[in-house]
Amino acid sequence: MQDILVIITFAAAAGYLLKKFVWTPLFEGKQSVSSTADGAKTKCGKNDCGCH
């Protein structure tokens, strides 16, 4: 009985690790990250005032 529980626990852990580190990165697709919150690569509205 204990062998079955160990096998189930190991399979669940191995499945979790495979999903987290192999499956998701392969099929996730690359996400573009913008440099600012508005995505327009500006710092202070429409003009860059140099305050950051």
C-alpha atoms as a PDB file:
ATOM      1  CA  MET A   1       0.000   0.000   0.000  1.00  0.00           C
ATOM      2  CA  GLN A   2       2.790   2.427   0.843  1.00  0.00           C
ATOM      3  CA  ASP A   3       4.519   1.730  -2.461  1.00  0.00           C
ATOM      4  CA  ILE A   4       1.429   2.868  -4.351  1.00  0.00           C
ATOM      5  CA  LEU A   5       1.262   6.117  -2.374  1.00  0.00           C
ATOM      6  CA  VAL A   6       4.962   6.786  -3.003  1.00  0.00           C
ATOM      7  CA  ILE A   7       4.537   6.177  -6.731  1.00  0.00           C
ATOM      8  CA  ILE A   8       1.489   8.473  -6.894  1.00  0.00           C
ATOM      9  CA  THR A   9       3.296  11.216  -4.981  1.00  0.00           C
ATOM     10  CA  PHE A  10       6.393  10.913  -7.171  1.00  0.00           C
ATOM     11  CA  ALA A  11       4.297  11.000 -10.346  1.00  0.00           C
ATOM     12  CA  ALA A  12       2.429  14.108  -9.156  1.00  0.00           C
ATOM     13  CA  ALA A  13       5.696  15.883  -8.290  1.00  0.00           C
ATOM     14  CA  ALA A  14       7.344  14.922 -11.579  1.00  0.00           C
ATOM     15  CA  GLY A  15       4.251  16.056 -13.505  1.00  0.00           C
ATOM     16  CA  TYR A  16       4.255  19.392 -11.717  1.00  0.00           C
ATOM     17  CA  LEU A  17       7.936  19.989 -12.461  1.00  0.00           C
ATOM     18  CA  LEU A  18       7.530  19.022 -16.109  1.00  0.00           C
ATOM     19  CA  LYS A  19       4.544  21.326 -16.500  1.00  0.00           C
ATOM     20  CA  LYS A  20       6.269  24.228 -14.790  1.00  0.00           C
ATOM     21  CA  PHE A  21       9.695  24.061 -16.427  1.00  0.00           C
ATOM     22  CA  VAL A  22       9.125  22.294 -19.759  1.00  0.00           C
ATOM     23  CA  TRP A  23       5.525  22.478 -20.982  1.00  0.00           C
ATOM     24  CA  THR A  24       4.744  26.128 -20.167  1.00  0.00           C
ATOM     25  CA  PRO A  25       7.956  27.681 -21.600  1.00  0.00           C
ATOM     26  CA  LEU A  26       7.611  25.699 -24.835  1.00  0.00           C
ATOM     27  CA  PHE A  27       4.009  26.638 -25.552  1.00  0.00           C
ATOM     28  CA  GLU A  28       3.720  30.007 -23.806  1.00  0.00           C
ATOM     29  CA  GLY A  29       5.029  32.205 -26.599  1.00  0.00           C
ATOM     30  CA  LYS A  30       7.235  35.196 -26.147  1.00  0.00           C
ATOM     31  CA  GLN A  31       5.731  38.205 -24.438  1.00  0.00           C
ATOM     32  CA  SER A  32       6.965  41.654 -25.330  1.00  0.00           C
ATOM     33  CA  VAL A  33       7.765  43.865 -22.391  1.00  0.00           C
ATOM     34  CA  SER A  34       7.330  47.579 -22.829  1.00  0.00           C
ATOM     35  CA  SER A  35       9.774  49.955 -21.232  1.00  0.00           C
ATOM     36  CA  THR A  36       7.061  52.132 -19.668  1.00  0.00           C
ATOM     37  CA  ALA A  37       3.612  51.693 -18.239  1.00  0.00           C
ATOM     38  CA  ASP A  38       1.926  53.248 -21.281  1.00  0.00           C
ATOM     39  CA  GLY A  39       3.953  51.212 -23.784  1.00  0.00           C
ATOM     40  CA  ALA A  40       4.978  54.272 -25.782  1.00  0.00           C
ATOM     41  CA  LYS A  41       8.529  54.332 -24.397  1.00  0.00           C
ATOM     42  CA  THR A  42       8.012  57.760 -22.882  1.00  0.00           C
ATOM     43  CA  LYS A  43       8.733  58.731 -19.302  1.00  0.00           C
ATOM     44  CA  CYS A  44       6.772  61.889 -18.580  1.00  0.00           C
ATOM     45  CA  GLY A  45       3.759  61.973 -20.840  1.00  0.00           C
ATOM     46  CA  LYS A  46       4.449  62.936 -24.435  1.00  0.00           C
ATOM     47  CA  ASN A  47       7.827  64.550 -23.816  1.00  0.00           C
ATOM     48  CA  ASP A  48      10.779  63.331 -21.789  1.00  0.00           C
ATOM     49  CA  CYS A  49      11.431  65.910 -19.073  1.00  0.00           C
ATOM     50  CA  GLY A  50      14.367  63.964 -17.652  1.00  0.00           C
ATOM     51  CA  CYS A  51      12.878  63.705 -14.168  1.00  0.00           C
ATOM     52  CA  HIS A  52      13.314  59.939 -13.917  1.00  0.00           C
END
